[in-house]
Amino acid sequence: MDEHQDRPEPNSPTSGAHRARLTQDYQVHDVVRDVMSPCPRMLSPDATVQEAAELMRREDIGDVLVMADDHRRLVGILTDRDIVVRALAEGRGPAQTRIGDVCSQDVVTIHPDESVGTALRIMREHAIRRVPVADDREVLGMLTIGDIAVERDSRTALADISAAQPNT
């Protein structure tokens, strides 16, 4: 049996060299602060799923940060997927369900001065498409895969999709 049989080709999308190259492009010049979307939308854990969904529609966003203690402490993130999977699919009424009960609570954050390459590694390791940007005192923004795609090469299909106007 060939000992290299299970290894991906050196330049295939699953190879370590390919993955390193994808994140390496960002490590020298691009920092999270320059790519993130500032001023993320925030709601308290007591807000309802309906309030969060209305905010997401109005602001054309797919996530809301869940903040406690007068928006000083990040306790979760609610995504449009959380609403569908953890509320609606479970038969919970949007007007009665608190977002604190259905949000993702183990939130990974990144510092604004970290490289975009580091952010991509974190996203890959945790299988997430967005990460809140926070310093030692406060949440400053949100970094999404779409933000990175638009910044890296605005001519790609992912960048086009990420920058497109919402369907109405």
N, C-alpha and C. Protein backbone atom coordinates (compact mmCIF):
# COMPACT_ATOMS: atom_id res chain seq x y z
N MET A 1 0.84 -1.18 0.00
CA MET A 1 0.00 0.00 0.00
C MET A 1 0.88 1.24 0.00
N ASP A 2 0.55 2.20 -0.80
CA ASP A 2 1.31 3.45 -0.90
C ASP A 2 1.07 4.28 0.35
N GLU A 3 2.14 4.67 1.04
CA GLU A 3 1.99 5.43 2.28
C GLU A 3 1.45 6.84 2.05
N HIS A 4 1.48 7.33 0.84
CA HIS A 4 0.99 8.67 0.54
C HIS A 4 -0.43 8.66 -0.04
N GLN A 5 -1.05 7.50 -0.04
CA GLN A 5 -2.34 7.33 -0.69
C GLN A 5 -3.42 8.27 -0.15
N ASP A 6 -3.48 8.49 1.14
CA ASP A 6 -4.54 9.30 1.73
C ASP A 6 -4.21 10.78 1.79
N ARG A 7 -3.07 11.18 1.35
CA ARG A 7 -2.69 12.59 1.38
C ARG A 7 -3.24 13.32 0.16
N PRO A 8 -3.72 14.55 0.36
CA PRO A 8 -4.19 15.31 -0.80
C PRO A 8 -3.02 15.75 -1.66
N GLU A 9 -3.31 16.02 -2.91
CA GLU A 9 -2.30 16.57 -3.80
C GLU A 9 -1.77 17.87 -3.20
N PRO A 10 -0.50 18.22 -3.43
CA PRO A 10 0.09 19.41 -2.81
C PRO A 10 -0.67 20.70 -3.04
N ASN A 11 -1.29 20.90 -4.17
CA ASN A 11 -1.99 22.15 -4.43
C ASN A 11 -3.51 22.00 -4.44
N SER A 12 -4.01 20.87 -3.95
CA SER A 12 -5.46 20.69 -3.93
C SER A 12 -6.07 21.56 -2.83
N PRO A 13 -7.36 21.88 -2.93
CA PRO A 13 -8.00 22.75 -1.94
C PRO A 13 -7.99 22.17 -0.53
N THR A 14 -7.77 20.85 -0.38
CA THR A 14 -7.75 20.26 0.96
C THR A 14 -6.34 20.12 1.52
N SER A 15 -5.34 20.47 0.74
CA SER A 15 -3.97 20.32 1.23
C SER A 15 -3.63 21.42 2.23
N GLY A 16 -2.75 21.09 3.15
CA GLY A 16 -2.30 22.07 4.13
C GLY A 16 -1.63 23.26 3.47
N ALA A 17 -0.89 23.02 2.40
CA ALA A 17 -0.21 24.12 1.71
C ALA A 17 -1.23 25.08 1.10
N HIS A 18 -2.29 24.53 0.53
CA HIS A 18 -3.33 25.38 -0.06
C HIS A 18 -4.02 26.20 1.02
N ARG A 19 -4.39 25.56 2.14
CA ARG A 19 -5.05 26.28 3.23
C ARG A 19 -4.13 27.35 3.80
N ALA A 20 -2.87 27.05 3.95
CA ALA A 20 -1.93 28.04 4.48
C ALA A 20 -1.83 29.23 3.53
N ARG A 21 -1.83 28.96 2.22
CA ARG A 21 -1.73 30.03 1.25
C ARG A 21 -2.97 30.94 1.32
N LEU A 22 -4.13 30.37 1.53
CA LEU A 22 -5.35 31.18 1.61
C LEU A 22 -5.30 32.16 2.77
N THR A 23 -4.79 31.72 3.92
CA THR A 23 -4.74 32.61 5.07
C THR A 23 -3.50 33.48 5.04
N GLN A 24 -2.44 33.01 4.42
CA GLN A 24 -1.20 33.77 4.38
C GLN A 24 -1.36 35.08 3.62
N ASP A 25 -2.22 35.11 2.63
CA ASP A 25 -2.43 36.32 1.84
C ASP A 25 -2.79 37.51 2.71
N TYR A 26 -3.39 37.27 3.85
CA TYR A 26 -3.88 38.36 4.69
C TYR A 26 -2.94 38.73 5.82
N GLN A 27 -1.99 37.88 6.15
CA GLN A 27 -1.25 38.06 7.38
C GLN A 27 -0.35 39.28 7.40
N VAL A 28 0.16 39.71 6.30
CA VAL A 28 1.12 40.79 6.31
C VAL A 28 0.46 42.16 6.42
N HIS A 29 -0.55 42.43 5.61
CA HIS A 29 -1.08 43.78 5.53
C HIS A 29 -2.45 43.97 6.15
N ASP A 30 -3.32 43.00 6.02
CA ASP A 30 -4.71 43.20 6.40
C ASP A 30 -4.95 42.85 7.86
N VAL A 31 -5.53 43.79 8.58
CA VAL A 31 -5.93 43.53 9.96
C VAL A 31 -7.45 43.57 10.02
N VAL A 32 -7.99 42.90 11.00
CA VAL A 32 -9.43 42.77 11.16
C VAL A 32 -10.11 44.13 11.18
N ARG A 33 -9.53 45.09 11.88
CA ARG A 33 -10.12 46.43 12.00
C ARG A 33 -10.44 47.05 10.63
N ASP A 34 -9.60 46.77 9.63
CA ASP A 34 -9.77 47.38 8.31
C ASP A 34 -10.80 46.67 7.44
N VAL A 35 -11.23 45.48 7.84
CA VAL A 35 -12.12 44.68 7.02
C VAL A 35 -13.50 44.51 7.66
N MET A 36 -13.56 44.60 8.98
CA MET A 36 -14.81 44.34 9.72
C MET A 36 -15.90 45.36 9.38
N SER A 37 -17.12 44.98 9.69
CA SER A 37 -18.25 45.91 9.63
C SER A 37 -18.40 46.51 11.02
N PRO A 38 -18.27 47.84 11.15
CA PRO A 38 -18.35 48.46 12.47
C PRO A 38 -19.80 48.55 12.95
N CYS A 39 -19.96 48.88 14.21
CA CYS A 39 -21.28 49.14 14.81
C CYS A 39 -22.25 47.97 14.64
N PRO A 40 -21.92 46.80 15.18
CA PRO A 40 -22.84 45.67 15.04
C PRO A 40 -24.14 45.95 15.79
N ARG A 41 -25.21 45.34 15.34
CA ARG A 41 -26.50 45.50 16.01
C ARG A 41 -26.53 44.60 17.23
N MET A 42 -27.13 45.14 18.30
CA MET A 42 -27.15 44.43 19.58
C MET A 42 -28.55 44.47 20.17
N LEU A 43 -28.90 43.39 20.86
CA LEU A 43 -30.16 43.32 21.60
C LEU A 43 -29.88 42.64 22.93
N SER A 44 -30.77 42.85 23.88
CA SER A 44 -30.62 42.19 25.18
C SER A 44 -31.15 40.77 25.08
N PRO A 45 -30.73 39.89 25.98
CA PRO A 45 -31.21 38.51 25.96
C PRO A 45 -32.73 38.39 26.09
N ASP A 46 -33.36 39.42 26.65
CA ASP A 46 -34.82 39.40 26.84
C ASP A 46 -35.60 39.81 25.60
N ALA A 47 -34.94 40.31 24.58
CA ALA A 47 -35.63 40.66 23.33
C ALA A 47 -36.21 39.38 22.73
N THR A 48 -37.27 39.53 21.97
CA THR A 48 -37.89 38.34 21.37
C THR A 48 -37.27 38.02 20.02
N VAL A 49 -37.48 36.80 19.60
CA VAL A 49 -37.04 36.37 18.28
C VAL A 49 -37.70 37.24 17.21
N GLN A 50 -38.94 37.60 17.41
CA GLN A 50 -39.63 38.46 16.44
C GLN A 50 -38.94 39.82 16.34
N GLU A 51 -38.57 40.41 17.47
CA GLU A 51 -37.87 41.70 17.45
C GLU A 51 -36.53 41.57 16.72
N ALA A 52 -35.83 40.49 16.98
CA ALA A 52 -34.54 40.27 16.32
C ALA A 52 -34.72 40.09 14.82
N ALA A 53 -35.72 39.32 14.41
CA ALA A 53 -35.97 39.09 12.99
C ALA A 53 -36.35 40.39 12.29
N GLU A 54 -37.15 41.21 12.95
CA GLU A 54 -37.53 42.50 12.36
C GLU A 54 -36.31 43.40 12.20
N LEU A 55 -35.42 43.40 13.20
CA LEU A 55 -34.19 44.19 13.11
C LEU A 55 -33.30 43.68 11.97
N MET A 56 -33.17 42.36 11.87
CA MET A 56 -32.36 41.79 10.79
C MET A 56 -32.91 42.18 9.42
N ARG A 57 -34.22 42.13 9.26
CA ARG A 57 -34.82 42.51 7.98
C ARG A 57 -34.60 43.99 7.69
N ARG A 58 -34.86 44.82 8.68
CA ARG A 58 -34.74 46.28 8.51
C ARG A 58 -33.31 46.69 8.18
N GLU A 59 -32.34 46.07 8.84
CA GLU A 59 -30.93 46.43 8.67
C GLU A 59 -30.22 45.59 7.61
N ASP A 60 -30.91 44.61 7.05
CA ASP A 60 -30.32 43.71 6.05
C ASP A 60 -29.07 43.03 6.59
N ILE A 61 -29.23 42.39 7.75
CA ILE A 61 -28.13 41.68 8.40
C ILE A 61 -28.57 40.26 8.73
N GLY A 62 -27.61 39.40 8.99
CA GLY A 62 -27.92 38.00 9.31
C GLY A 62 -27.60 37.62 10.73
N ASP A 63 -27.23 38.61 11.55
CA ASP A 63 -26.87 38.30 12.93
C ASP A 63 -27.11 39.50 13.84
N VAL A 64 -27.29 39.20 15.11
CA VAL A 64 -27.44 40.22 16.14
C VAL A 64 -26.63 39.74 17.34
N LEU A 65 -25.86 40.64 17.92
CA LEU A 65 -25.14 40.29 19.14
C LEU A 65 -26.09 40.37 20.32
N VAL A 66 -25.97 39.42 21.22
CA VAL A 66 -26.81 39.38 22.41
C VAL A 66 -25.96 39.89 23.56
N MET A 67 -26.37 41.04 24.10
CA MET A 67 -25.55 41.76 25.08
C MET A 67 -26.33 41.93 26.39
N ALA A 68 -25.67 41.65 27.50
CA ALA A 68 -26.26 41.83 28.82
C ALA A 68 -25.61 43.03 29.50
N ASP A 69 -26.12 43.37 30.67
CA ASP A 69 -25.56 44.47 31.47
C ASP A 69 -25.48 45.77 30.67
N ASP A 70 -26.63 46.21 30.18
CA ASP A 70 -26.72 47.46 29.40
C ASP A 70 -25.76 47.48 28.21
N HIS A 71 -25.70 46.38 27.52
CA HIS A 71 -24.88 46.22 26.29
C HIS A 71 -23.38 46.33 26.57
N ARG A 72 -22.98 45.94 27.78
CA ARG A 72 -21.55 45.96 28.11
C ARG A 72 -20.92 44.57 28.06
N ARG A 73 -21.74 43.51 28.08
CA ARG A 73 -21.19 42.15 28.15
C ARG A 73 -21.82 41.27 27.08
N LEU A 74 -20.96 40.73 26.21
CA LEU A 74 -21.40 39.84 25.14
C LEU A 74 -21.75 38.47 25.73
N VAL A 75 -22.99 38.04 25.53
CA VAL A 75 -23.41 36.74 26.06
C VAL A 75 -23.80 35.76 24.96
N GLY A 76 -23.91 36.24 23.72
CA GLY A 76 -24.27 35.34 22.65
C GLY A 76 -24.36 36.05 21.31
N ILE A 77 -24.63 35.26 20.30
CA ILE A 77 -24.88 35.78 18.96
C ILE A 77 -26.08 35.02 18.41
N LEU A 78 -27.00 35.75 17.83
CA LEU A 78 -28.18 35.16 17.22
C LEU A 78 -28.08 35.35 15.72
N THR A 79 -28.15 34.25 14.99
CA THR A 79 -28.10 34.32 13.54
C THR A 79 -29.46 33.96 12.95
N ASP A 80 -29.64 34.28 11.68
CA ASP A 80 -30.88 33.90 11.02
C ASP A 80 -31.07 32.39 11.06
N ARG A 81 -29.98 31.66 11.00
CA ARG A 81 -30.06 30.19 11.10
C ARG A 81 -30.52 29.76 12.49
N ASP A 82 -30.03 30.42 13.55
CA ASP A 82 -30.50 30.10 14.90
C ASP A 82 -32.01 30.27 15.01
N ILE A 83 -32.52 31.33 14.40
CA ILE A 83 -33.97 31.57 14.45
C ILE A 83 -34.72 30.41 13.81
N VAL A 84 -34.26 29.96 12.67
CA VAL A 84 -34.94 28.87 11.97
C VAL A 84 -34.79 27.55 12.72
N VAL A 85 -33.57 27.19 13.08
CA VAL A 85 -33.30 25.87 13.65
C VAL A 85 -33.70 25.76 15.12
N ARG A 86 -33.41 26.77 15.91
CA ARG A 86 -33.63 26.67 17.36
C ARG A 86 -34.96 27.25 17.83
N ALA A 87 -35.62 28.01 16.99
CA ALA A 87 -36.91 28.58 17.40
C ALA A 87 -38.03 28.01 16.52
N LEU A 88 -38.08 28.40 15.28
CA LEU A 88 -39.19 28.02 14.41
C LEU A 88 -39.33 26.51 14.24
N ALA A 89 -38.24 25.83 13.94
CA ALA A 89 -38.31 24.38 13.72
C ALA A 89 -38.68 23.62 15.00
N GLU A 90 -38.46 24.24 16.14
CA GLU A 90 -38.82 23.63 17.42
C GLU A 90 -40.23 24.00 17.85
N GLY A 91 -40.93 24.77 17.01
CA GLY A 91 -42.30 25.14 17.32
C GLY A 91 -42.44 26.28 18.32
N ARG A 92 -41.37 27.02 18.54
CA ARG A 92 -41.42 28.15 19.48
C ARG A 92 -41.98 29.38 18.77
N GLY A 93 -42.87 30.07 19.43
CA GLY A 93 -43.45 31.28 18.86
C GLY A 93 -42.46 32.42 18.89
N PRO A 94 -42.24 33.09 17.77
CA PRO A 94 -41.26 34.18 17.71
C PRO A 94 -41.58 35.34 18.64
N ALA A 95 -42.85 35.60 18.88
CA ALA A 95 -43.22 36.73 19.75
C ALA A 95 -43.04 36.39 21.23
N GLN A 96 -42.96 35.10 21.55
CA GLN A 96 -42.82 34.70 22.95
C GLN A 96 -41.42 34.20 23.32
N THR A 97 -40.62 33.88 22.33
CA THR A 97 -39.31 33.28 22.60
C THR A 97 -38.24 34.35 22.76
N ARG A 98 -37.53 34.27 23.87
CA ARG A 98 -36.43 35.21 24.13
C ARG A 98 -35.20 34.78 23.33
N ILE A 99 -34.49 35.77 22.80
CA ILE A 99 -33.30 35.41 22.01
C ILE A 99 -32.21 34.80 22.88
N GLY A 100 -32.19 35.14 24.17
CA GLY A 100 -31.22 34.54 25.07
C GLY A 100 -31.39 33.04 25.20
N ASP A 101 -32.59 32.53 24.87
CA ASP A 101 -32.86 31.10 24.96
C ASP A 101 -32.49 30.33 23.69
N VAL A 102 -32.27 31.02 22.59
CA VAL A 102 -32.00 30.32 21.33
C VAL A 102 -30.70 30.75 20.65
N CYS A 103 -30.00 31.71 21.22
CA CYS A 103 -28.76 32.19 20.60
C CYS A 103 -27.61 31.23 20.85
N SER A 104 -26.56 31.35 20.06
CA SER A 104 -25.31 30.62 20.29
C SER A 104 -24.59 31.34 21.42
N GLN A 105 -24.24 30.59 22.48
CA GLN A 105 -23.70 31.25 23.66
C GLN A 105 -22.19 31.15 23.82
N ASP A 106 -21.57 30.18 23.24
CA ASP A 106 -20.11 30.07 23.33
C ASP A 106 -19.50 30.86 22.19
N VAL A 107 -19.46 32.18 22.36
CA VAL A 107 -19.04 33.07 21.28
C VAL A 107 -17.52 33.24 21.28
N VAL A 108 -16.94 33.04 20.13
CA VAL A 108 -15.51 33.29 19.92
C VAL A 108 -15.39 34.71 19.39
N THR A 109 -14.45 35.48 19.93
CA THR A 109 -14.22 36.84 19.45
C THR A 109 -12.80 36.96 18.93
N ILE A 110 -12.54 38.07 18.24
CA ILE A 110 -11.19 38.35 17.76
C ILE A 110 -10.88 39.81 18.03
N HIS A 111 -9.63 40.10 18.31
CA HIS A 111 -9.17 41.47 18.57
C HIS A 111 -9.04 42.21 17.24
N PRO A 112 -9.36 43.49 17.20
CA PRO A 112 -9.32 44.24 15.94
C PRO A 112 -7.93 44.35 15.31
N ASP A 113 -6.87 44.17 16.10
CA ASP A 113 -5.52 44.27 15.56
C ASP A 113 -4.96 42.93 15.08
N GLU A 114 -5.74 41.86 15.19
CA GLU A 114 -5.30 40.56 14.68
C GLU A 114 -5.34 40.58 13.15
N SER A 115 -4.61 39.68 12.55
CA SER A 115 -4.60 39.60 11.09
C SER A 115 -5.88 38.91 10.59
N VAL A 116 -6.24 39.21 9.37
CA VAL A 116 -7.38 38.54 8.76
C VAL A 116 -7.07 37.06 8.59
N GLY A 117 -5.81 36.72 8.37
CA GLY A 117 -5.42 35.31 8.29
C GLY A 117 -5.73 34.58 9.59
N THR A 118 -5.46 35.22 10.73
CA THR A 118 -5.79 34.63 12.02
C THR A 118 -7.30 34.46 12.15
N ALA A 119 -8.05 35.46 11.71
CA ALA A 119 -9.51 35.37 11.75
C ALA A 119 -10.01 34.19 10.92
N LEU A 120 -9.44 34.00 9.74
CA LEU A 120 -9.84 32.87 8.90
C LEU A 120 -9.54 31.54 9.57
N ARG A 121 -8.39 31.44 10.22
CA ARG A 121 -8.06 30.20 10.94
C ARG A 121 -9.06 29.95 12.06
N ILE A 122 -9.42 30.99 12.80
CA ILE A 122 -10.40 30.85 13.88
C ILE A 122 -11.75 30.41 13.31
N MET A 123 -12.16 31.03 12.22
CA MET A 123 -13.44 30.66 11.59
C MET A 123 -13.42 29.20 11.15
N ARG A 124 -12.32 28.77 10.57
CA ARG A 124 -12.20 27.39 10.11
C ARG A 124 -12.23 26.43 11.30
N GLU A 125 -11.44 26.73 12.33
CA GLU A 125 -11.36 25.85 13.50
C GLU A 125 -12.70 25.68 14.20
N HIS A 126 -13.49 26.74 14.23
CA HIS A 126 -14.77 26.71 14.94
C HIS A 126 -15.97 26.53 14.01
N ALA A 127 -15.71 26.39 12.71
CA ALA A 127 -16.77 26.22 11.71
C ALA A 127 -17.83 27.32 11.82
N ILE A 128 -17.35 28.57 11.82
CA ILE A 128 -18.25 29.72 11.90
C ILE A 128 -18.01 30.64 10.71
N ARG A 129 -19.03 31.41 10.35
CA ARG A 129 -18.92 32.32 9.21
C ARG A 129 -18.81 33.77 9.62
N ARG A 130 -18.91 34.02 10.91
CA ARG A 130 -18.82 35.40 11.41
C ARG A 130 -18.24 35.36 12.81
N VAL A 131 -17.52 36.43 13.14
CA VAL A 131 -16.91 36.51 14.47
C VAL A 131 -16.97 37.96 14.96
N PRO A 132 -17.47 38.16 16.18
CA PRO A 132 -17.48 39.52 16.75
C PRO A 132 -16.05 40.01 16.98
N VAL A 133 -15.86 41.29 16.76
CA VAL A 133 -14.56 41.92 16.96
C VAL A 133 -14.64 42.73 18.25
N ALA A 134 -13.74 42.43 19.19
CA ALA A 134 -13.79 43.09 20.49
C ALA A 134 -12.39 43.36 21.00
N ASP A 135 -12.25 44.50 21.69
CA ASP A 135 -11.00 44.75 22.41
C ASP A 135 -11.27 44.42 23.88
N ASP A 136 -10.43 44.89 24.77
CA ASP A 136 -10.58 44.55 26.18
C ASP A 136 -11.80 45.19 26.82
N ARG A 137 -12.36 46.22 26.19
CA ARG A 137 -13.45 46.96 26.81
C ARG A 137 -14.80 46.77 26.16
N GLU A 138 -14.83 46.62 24.83
CA GLU A 138 -16.12 46.62 24.15
C GLU A 138 -16.10 45.89 22.82
N VAL A 139 -17.29 45.57 22.35
CA VAL A 139 -17.45 44.99 21.02
C VAL A 139 -17.44 46.14 20.02
N LEU A 140 -16.60 46.01 19.00
CA LEU A 140 -16.39 47.08 18.03
C LEU A 140 -17.02 46.81 16.67
N GLY A 141 -17.20 45.55 16.34
CA GLY A 141 -17.69 45.23 15.01
C GLY A 141 -17.94 43.76 14.83
N MET A 142 -18.20 43.40 13.58
CA MET A 142 -18.42 42.01 13.20
C MET A 142 -17.62 41.75 11.94
N LEU A 143 -16.94 40.62 11.90
CA LEU A 143 -16.20 40.21 10.71
C LEU A 143 -16.87 38.97 10.15
N THR A 144 -17.24 39.03 8.87
CA THR A 144 -17.90 37.90 8.23
C THR A 144 -17.06 37.40 7.06
N ILE A 145 -17.37 36.19 6.66
CA ILE A 145 -16.73 35.64 5.46
C ILE A 145 -16.98 36.57 4.27
N GLY A 146 -18.18 37.13 4.20
CA GLY A 146 -18.51 38.05 3.11
C GLY A 146 -17.64 39.29 3.13
N ASP A 147 -17.38 39.85 4.34
CA ASP A 147 -16.50 41.02 4.45
C ASP A 147 -15.13 40.70 3.88
N ILE A 148 -14.63 39.52 4.22
CA ILE A 148 -13.30 39.11 3.77
C ILE A 148 -13.29 38.92 2.25
N ALA A 149 -14.33 38.30 1.73
CA ALA A 149 -14.41 38.06 0.28
C ALA A 149 -14.43 39.38 -0.49
N VAL A 150 -15.23 40.32 -0.03
CA VAL A 150 -15.33 41.61 -0.71
C VAL A 150 -14.00 42.35 -0.65
N GLU A 151 -13.33 42.30 0.51
CA GLU A 151 -12.06 43.00 0.67
C GLU A 151 -10.96 42.35 -0.16
N ARG A 152 -10.94 41.03 -0.20
CA ARG A 152 -9.85 40.33 -0.88
C ARG A 152 -9.92 40.51 -2.39
N ASP A 153 -11.08 40.27 -2.95
CA ASP A 153 -11.21 40.38 -4.40
C ASP A 153 -12.68 40.58 -4.72
N SER A 154 -13.04 41.81 -4.96
CA SER A 154 -14.44 42.16 -5.16
C SER A 154 -15.01 41.57 -6.45
N ARG A 155 -14.18 40.93 -7.26
CA ARG A 155 -14.66 40.35 -8.52
C ARG A 155 -15.08 38.89 -8.38
N THR A 156 -14.90 38.28 -7.21
CA THR A 156 -15.26 36.87 -7.06
C THR A 156 -16.76 36.70 -6.90
N ALA A 157 -17.23 35.50 -7.14
CA ALA A 157 -18.65 35.20 -6.99
C ALA A 157 -19.10 35.40 -5.55
N LEU A 158 -18.29 34.96 -4.58
CA LEU A 158 -18.66 35.13 -3.17
C LEU A 158 -18.76 36.61 -2.82
N ALA A 159 -17.87 37.41 -3.32
CA ALA A 159 -17.93 38.85 -3.07
C ALA A 159 -19.19 39.44 -3.69
N ASP A 160 -19.51 39.03 -4.91
CA ASP A 160 -20.73 39.51 -5.57
C ASP A 160 -21.97 39.16 -4.75
N ILE A 161 -22.03 37.92 -4.31
CA ILE A 161 -23.17 37.47 -3.51
C ILE A 161 -23.24 38.24 -2.21
N SER A 162 -22.10 38.42 -1.55
CA SER A 162 -22.07 39.10 -0.26
C SER A 162 -22.44 40.57 -0.37
N ALA A 163 -22.12 41.19 -1.49
CA ALA A 163 -22.39 42.62 -1.66
C ALA A 163 -23.74 42.91 -2.31
N ALA A 164 -24.43 41.87 -2.75
CA ALA A 164 -25.70 42.06 -3.47
C ALA A 164 -26.78 42.64 -2.57
N GLN A 165 -27.70 43.36 -3.19
CA GLN A 165 -28.87 43.87 -2.48
C GLN A 165 -29.75 42.69 -2.08
N PRO A 166 -30.48 42.82 -0.97
CA PRO A 166 -31.32 41.71 -0.52
C PRO A 166 -32.49 41.46 -1.47
N ASN A 167 -32.94 40.22 -1.49
CA ASN A 167 -34.16 39.89 -2.22
C ASN A 167 -35.33 40.46 -1.45
N THR A 168 -36.28 41.01 -2.15
CA THR A 168 -37.44 41.58 -1.45
C THR A 168 -38.70 40.83 -1.77
